[in-house]
Amino acid sequence: MLGCLAGLERSWAVLITQLMLPRTPFCALWLSWDSLLGIREPRAYLTTTAKRLIVDRIRRQALEEVHLTELAIFAEAGEGYPSPEQIVATLQALEQIAVALEGVSVKAREAFLLHFLEGQSHAEIATHLGVSTRMVGKYLVQSLSCCLQGVTP
C-alpha cells in the first residue's frame, strides 16, 4: 500500500491512510513522521505516547469487560430455555408415549397424563375420574407397562 501512495501528495496520502488503516500506534507514528524529525524532547514524546497507549489499553479492557459481562447475563438468561435439540428429543419422546398409550383405556390414559404431566396425586385423580385410589394405581401400572413395552423392541 505504501508503494501505491508514493506518487500522491503527502496530504492525500495522510487522508487515504487515515481512512483505510485502523488507528494503531504504528500508524500514528508513520503519519507524524515529519514531526518526529524535529522533536527536541524525545523522552517526553515517548512518555506521552506510552501514557496514551496505556489509556487506550485500559479503555479497550473496560469495553471488553462490559461486553463479557453482557454476554454472561445473556447466557444466564438463555439457560431457562431448551435448545432445539432438547425440544426435538422431547417431542419424539411424547410421540412414543402417545403411541404406547393407545393400547390402554381412556381412563388409564387420563390417569397417566394427570399424574405425570400435571403432577396430581392419586386421590385427586380418583376424585376427577370417579374411581377409587386403588383403581388409579392400577391404571398407572397399566399405562407404565404399555410405555415400557413400547420402548423395548
C-alpha atoms as a PDB file:
ATOM      1  CA  MET A   1       0.000   0.000   0.000  1.00  0.00           C
ATOM      2  CA  LEU A   2       2.875   2.352   0.754  1.00  0.00           C
ATOM      3  CA  GLY A   3       4.237   1.894  -2.789  1.00  0.00           C
ATOM      4  CA  CYS A   4       0.865   2.947  -4.218  1.00  0.00           C
ATOM      5  CA  LEU A   5       0.862   6.091  -2.108  1.00  0.00           C
ATOM      6  CA  ALA A   6       4.360   7.193  -3.138  1.00  0.00           C
ATOM      7  CA  GLY A   7       3.119   9.099  -6.185  1.00  0.00           C
ATOM      8  CA  LEU A   8       0.401  11.010  -4.329  1.00  0.00           C
ATOM      9  CA  GLU A   9       0.892  14.235  -2.463  1.00  0.00           C
ATOM     10  CA  ARG A  10       1.607  13.905   1.230  1.00  0.00           C
ATOM     11  CA  SER A  11      -1.770  15.370   2.282  1.00  0.00           C
ATOM     12  CA  TRP A  12      -3.664  12.908   0.110  1.00  0.00           C
ATOM     13  CA  ALA A  13      -1.548  10.057   1.426  1.00  0.00           C
ATOM     14  CA  VAL A  14      -2.331  11.061   5.003  1.00  0.00           C
ATOM     15  CA  LEU A  15      -6.046  11.342   4.247  1.00  0.00           C
ATOM     16  CA  ILE A  16      -6.233   7.971   2.498  1.00  0.00           C
ATOM     17  CA  THR A  17      -4.180   6.280   5.197  1.00  0.00           C
ATOM     18  CA  GLN A  18      -6.368   7.712   7.950  1.00  0.00           C
ATOM     19  CA  LEU A  19      -9.467   6.415   6.220  1.00  0.00           C
ATOM     20  CA  MET A  20      -8.148   2.988   5.261  1.00  0.00           C
ATOM     21  CA  LEU A  21      -5.809   1.944   8.059  1.00  0.00           C
ATOM     22  CA  PRO A  22      -7.027   1.329  11.582  1.00  0.00           C
ATOM     23  CA  ARG A  23      -5.750   3.606  14.285  1.00  0.00           C
ATOM     24  CA  THR A  24      -2.735   1.899  15.751  1.00  0.00           C
ATOM     25  CA  PRO A  25       0.384   3.286  17.389  1.00  0.00           C
ATOM     26  CA  PHE A  26       2.413   2.418  14.280  1.00  0.00           C
ATOM     27  CA  CYS A  27       0.035   4.355  12.027  1.00  0.00           C
ATOM     28  CA  ALA A  28       0.157   7.324  14.373  1.00  0.00           C
ATOM     29  CA  LEU A  29       3.949   7.331  14.263  1.00  0.00           C
ATOM     30  CA  TRP A  30       4.024   6.889  10.473  1.00  0.00           C
ATOM     31  CA  LEU A  31       1.596   9.750   9.943  1.00  0.00           C
ATOM     32  CA  SER A  32       3.612  12.046  12.192  1.00  0.00           C
ATOM     33  CA  TRP A  33       7.000  11.081  10.724  1.00  0.00           C
ATOM     34  CA  ASP A  34       7.774  14.650   9.629  1.00  0.00           C
ATOM     35  CA  SER A  35       7.108  15.966  13.113  1.00  0.00           C
ATOM     36  CA  LEU A  36       9.276  13.214  14.653  1.00  0.00           C
ATOM     37  CA  LEU A  37      12.373  14.577  12.973  1.00  0.00           C
ATOM     38  CA  GLY A  38      12.041  17.923  14.764  1.00  0.00           C
ATOM     39  CA  ILE A  39      11.462  16.621  18.305  1.00  0.00           C
ATOM     40  CA  ARG A  40      13.506  18.447  20.922  1.00  0.00           C
ATOM     41  CA  GLU A  41      12.436  16.262  23.880  1.00  0.00           C
ATOM     42  CA  PRO A  42      12.244  12.633  22.633  1.00  0.00           C
ATOM     43  CA  ARG A  43      11.907  11.273  26.168  1.00  0.00           C
ATOM     44  CA  ALA A  44       8.840  13.433  26.839  1.00  0.00           C
ATOM     45  CA  TYR A  45       7.369  12.426  23.477  1.00  0.00           C
ATOM     46  CA  LEU A  46       7.873   8.734  24.236  1.00  0.00           C
ATOM     47  CA  THR A  47       6.413   9.189  27.730  1.00  0.00           C
ATOM     48  CA  THR A  48       3.309  10.878  26.304  1.00  0.00           C
ATOM     49  CA  THR A  49       2.961   8.180  23.650  1.00  0.00           C
ATOM     50  CA  ALA A  50       3.318   5.432  26.285  1.00  0.00           C
ATOM     51  CA  LYS A  51       0.693   7.086  28.512  1.00  0.00           C
ATOM     52  CA  ARG A  52      -1.733   7.301  25.606  1.00  0.00           C
ATOM     53  CA  LEU A  53      -1.134   3.650  24.757  1.00  0.00           C
ATOM     54  CA  ILE A  54      -1.846   2.688  28.363  1.00  0.00           C
ATOM     55  CA  VAL A  55      -5.055   4.757  28.374  1.00  0.00           C
ATOM     56  CA  ASP A  56      -6.146   3.139  25.091  1.00  0.00           C
ATOM     57  CA  ARG A  57      -5.441  -0.307  26.502  1.00  0.00           C
ATOM     58  CA  ILE A  58      -7.401   0.434  29.708  1.00  0.00           C
ATOM     59  CA  ARG A  59     -10.350   1.712  27.672  1.00  0.00           C
ATOM     60  CA  ARG A  60     -10.268  -1.385  25.467  1.00  0.00           C
ATOM     61  CA  GLN A  61     -10.116  -3.674  28.525  1.00  0.00           C
ATOM     62  CA  ALA A  62     -13.030  -1.822  30.124  1.00  0.00           C
ATOM     63  CA  LEU A  63     -15.078  -2.272  26.947  1.00  0.00           C
ATOM     64  CA  GLU A  64     -14.152  -5.951  26.802  1.00  0.00           C
ATOM     65  CA  GLU A  65     -15.203  -6.435  30.434  1.00  0.00           C
ATOM     66  CA  VAL A  66     -18.551  -4.752  29.790  1.00  0.00           C
ATOM     67  CA  HIS A  67     -19.038  -6.886  26.688  1.00  0.00           C
ATOM     68  CA  LEU A  68     -18.167 -10.104  28.553  1.00  0.00           C
ATOM     69  CA  THR A  69     -20.489  -9.148  31.395  1.00  0.00           C
ATOM     70  CA  GLU A  70     -23.336  -8.573  28.942  1.00  0.00           C
ATOM     71  CA  LEU A  71     -22.606 -11.916  27.270  1.00  0.00           C
ATOM     72  CA  ALA A  72     -22.677 -13.662  30.647  1.00  0.00           C
ATOM     73  CA  ILE A  73     -26.015 -12.050  31.515  1.00  0.00           C
ATOM     74  CA  PHE A  74     -27.390 -13.065  28.125  1.00  0.00           C
ATOM     75  CA  ALA A  75     -26.125 -16.636  28.562  1.00  0.00           C
ATOM     76  CA  GLU A  76     -27.684 -16.888  32.027  1.00  0.00           C
ATOM     77  CA  ALA A  77     -30.994 -15.585  30.712  1.00  0.00           C
ATOM     78  CA  GLY A  78     -30.940 -18.194  27.950  1.00  0.00           C
ATOM     79  CA  GLU A  79     -30.372 -21.127  30.324  1.00  0.00           C
ATOM     80  CA  GLY A  80     -34.077 -21.390  31.137  1.00  0.00           C
ATOM     81  CA  TYR A  81     -34.963 -22.156  27.541  1.00  0.00           C
ATOM     82  CA  PRO A  82     -34.436 -25.556  25.974  1.00  0.00           C
ATOM     83  CA  SER A  83     -32.160 -25.940  22.988  1.00  0.00           C
ATOM     84  CA  PRO A  84     -33.629 -27.028  19.634  1.00  0.00           C
ATOM     85  CA  GLU A  85     -32.134 -30.498  20.158  1.00  0.00           C
ATOM     86  CA  GLN A  86     -33.864 -30.793  23.535  1.00  0.00           C
ATOM     87  CA  ILE A  87     -37.181 -29.728  22.005  1.00  0.00           C
ATOM     88  CA  VAL A  88     -36.905 -32.350  19.250  1.00  0.00           C
ATOM     89  CA  ALA A  89     -35.954 -35.073  21.757  1.00  0.00           C
ATOM     90  CA  THR A  90     -38.892 -34.140  23.977  1.00  0.00           C
ATOM     91  CA  LEU A  91     -41.338 -34.188  21.073  1.00  0.00           C
ATOM     92  CA  GLN A  92     -40.072 -37.589  19.967  1.00  0.00           C
ATOM     93  CA  ALA A  93     -40.448 -38.956  23.498  1.00  0.00           C
ATOM     94  CA  LEU A  94     -44.000 -37.578  23.719  1.00  0.00           C
ATOM     95  CA  GLU A  95     -44.867 -39.177  20.383  1.00  0.00           C
ATOM     96  CA  GLN A  96     -43.576 -42.528  21.642  1.00  0.00           C
ATOM     97  CA  ILE A  97     -45.622 -42.180  24.822  1.00  0.00           C
ATOM     98  CA  ALA A  98     -48.751 -41.262  22.829  1.00  0.00           C
ATOM     99  CA  VAL A  99     -48.334 -44.320  20.610  1.00  0.00           C
ATOM    100  CA  ALA A 100     -47.755 -46.552  23.651  1.00  0.00           C
ATOM    101  CA  LEU A 101     -50.829 -45.162  25.461  1.00  0.00           C
ATOM    102  CA  GLU A 102     -53.097 -46.050  22.530  1.00  0.00           C
ATOM    103  CA  GLY A 103     -53.193 -49.586  23.960  1.00  0.00           C
ATOM    104  CA  VAL A 104     -54.849 -48.587  27.267  1.00  0.00           C
ATOM    105  CA  SER A 105     -58.311 -47.405  28.200  1.00  0.00           C
ATOM    106  CA  VAL A 106     -59.321 -43.748  28.162  1.00  0.00           C
ATOM    107  CA  LYS A 107     -59.402 -43.585  31.988  1.00  0.00           C
ATOM    108  CA  ALA A 108     -55.933 -45.180  32.274  1.00  0.00           C
ATOM    109  CA  ARG A 109     -54.565 -42.696  29.723  1.00  0.00           C
ATOM    110  CA  GLU A 110     -56.158 -39.780  31.546  1.00  0.00           C
ATOM    111  CA  ALA A 111     -54.822 -41.002  34.888  1.00  0.00           C
ATOM    112  CA  PHE A 112     -51.326 -41.242  33.389  1.00  0.00           C
ATOM    113  CA  LEU A 113     -51.480 -37.715  31.964  1.00  0.00           C
ATOM    114  CA  LEU A 114     -52.924 -36.214  35.148  1.00  0.00           C
ATOM    115  CA  HIS A 115     -50.306 -37.871  37.311  1.00  0.00           C
ATOM    116  CA  PHE A 116     -47.146 -37.406  35.223  1.00  0.00           C
ATOM    117  CA  LEU A 117     -47.866 -34.203  33.320  1.00  0.00           C
ATOM    118  CA  GLU A 118     -49.961 -32.241  35.808  1.00  0.00           C
ATOM    119  CA  GLY A 119     -48.495 -33.761  38.969  1.00  0.00           C
ATOM    120  CA  GLN A 120     -51.808 -34.650  40.605  1.00  0.00           C
ATOM    121  CA  SER A 121     -51.927 -37.134  43.448  1.00  0.00           C
ATOM    122  CA  HIS A 122     -53.747 -40.470  43.330  1.00  0.00           C
ATOM    123  CA  ALA A 123     -56.579 -39.061  45.462  1.00  0.00           C
ATOM    124  CA  GLU A 124     -57.073 -36.055  43.166  1.00  0.00           C
ATOM    125  CA  ILE A 125     -57.110 -38.300  40.102  1.00  0.00           C
ATOM    126  CA  ALA A 126     -59.575 -40.681  41.771  1.00  0.00           C
ATOM    127  CA  THR A 127     -61.927 -37.781  42.517  1.00  0.00           C
ATOM    128  CA  HIS A 128     -61.581 -36.462  38.972  1.00  0.00           C
ATOM    129  CA  LEU A 129     -62.241 -39.864  37.351  1.00  0.00           C
ATOM    130  CA  GLY A 130     -64.814 -41.021  39.885  1.00  0.00           C
ATOM    131  CA  VAL A 131     -62.902 -44.194  40.844  1.00  0.00           C
ATOM    132  CA  SER A 132     -61.002 -45.422  43.888  1.00  0.00           C
ATOM    133  CA  THR A 133     -57.353 -44.610  44.548  1.00  0.00           C
ATOM    134  CA  ARG A 134     -56.557 -48.303  44.187  1.00  0.00           C
ATOM    135  CA  MET A 135     -58.013 -48.223  40.668  1.00  0.00           C
ATOM    136  CA  VAL A 136     -55.894 -45.162  39.862  1.00  0.00           C
ATOM    137  CA  GLY A 137     -52.822 -47.184  40.884  1.00  0.00           C
ATOM    138  CA  LYS A 138     -53.894 -49.988  38.539  1.00  0.00           C
ATOM    139  CA  TYR A 139     -54.428 -47.501  35.707  1.00  0.00           C
ATOM    140  CA  LEU A 140     -50.942 -46.108  36.234  1.00  0.00           C
ATOM    141  CA  VAL A 141     -49.403 -49.597  36.271  1.00  0.00           C
ATOM    142  CA  GLN A 142     -51.233 -50.447  33.005  1.00  0.00           C
ATOM    143  CA  SER A 143     -50.059 -47.230  31.390  1.00  0.00           C
ATOM    144  CA  LEU A 144     -46.472 -47.640  32.507  1.00  0.00           C
ATOM    145  CA  SER A 145     -46.340 -51.252  31.346  1.00  0.00           C
ATOM    146  CA  CYS A 146     -47.627 -50.195  27.903  1.00  0.00           C
ATOM    147  CA  CYS A 147     -44.982 -47.452  27.773  1.00  0.00           C
ATOM    148  CA  LEU A 148     -42.310 -49.957  28.741  1.00  0.00           C
ATOM    149  CA  GLN A 149     -43.473 -52.366  26.045  1.00  0.00           C
ATOM    150  CA  GLY A 150     -43.462 -49.569  23.520  1.00  0.00           C
ATOM    151  CA  VAL A 151     -39.866 -48.656  24.348  1.00  0.00           C
ATOM    152  CA  THR A 152     -38.370 -52.148  24.326  1.00  0.00           C
ATOM    153  CA  PRO A 153     -38.126 -53.679  20.864  1.00  0.00           C
END
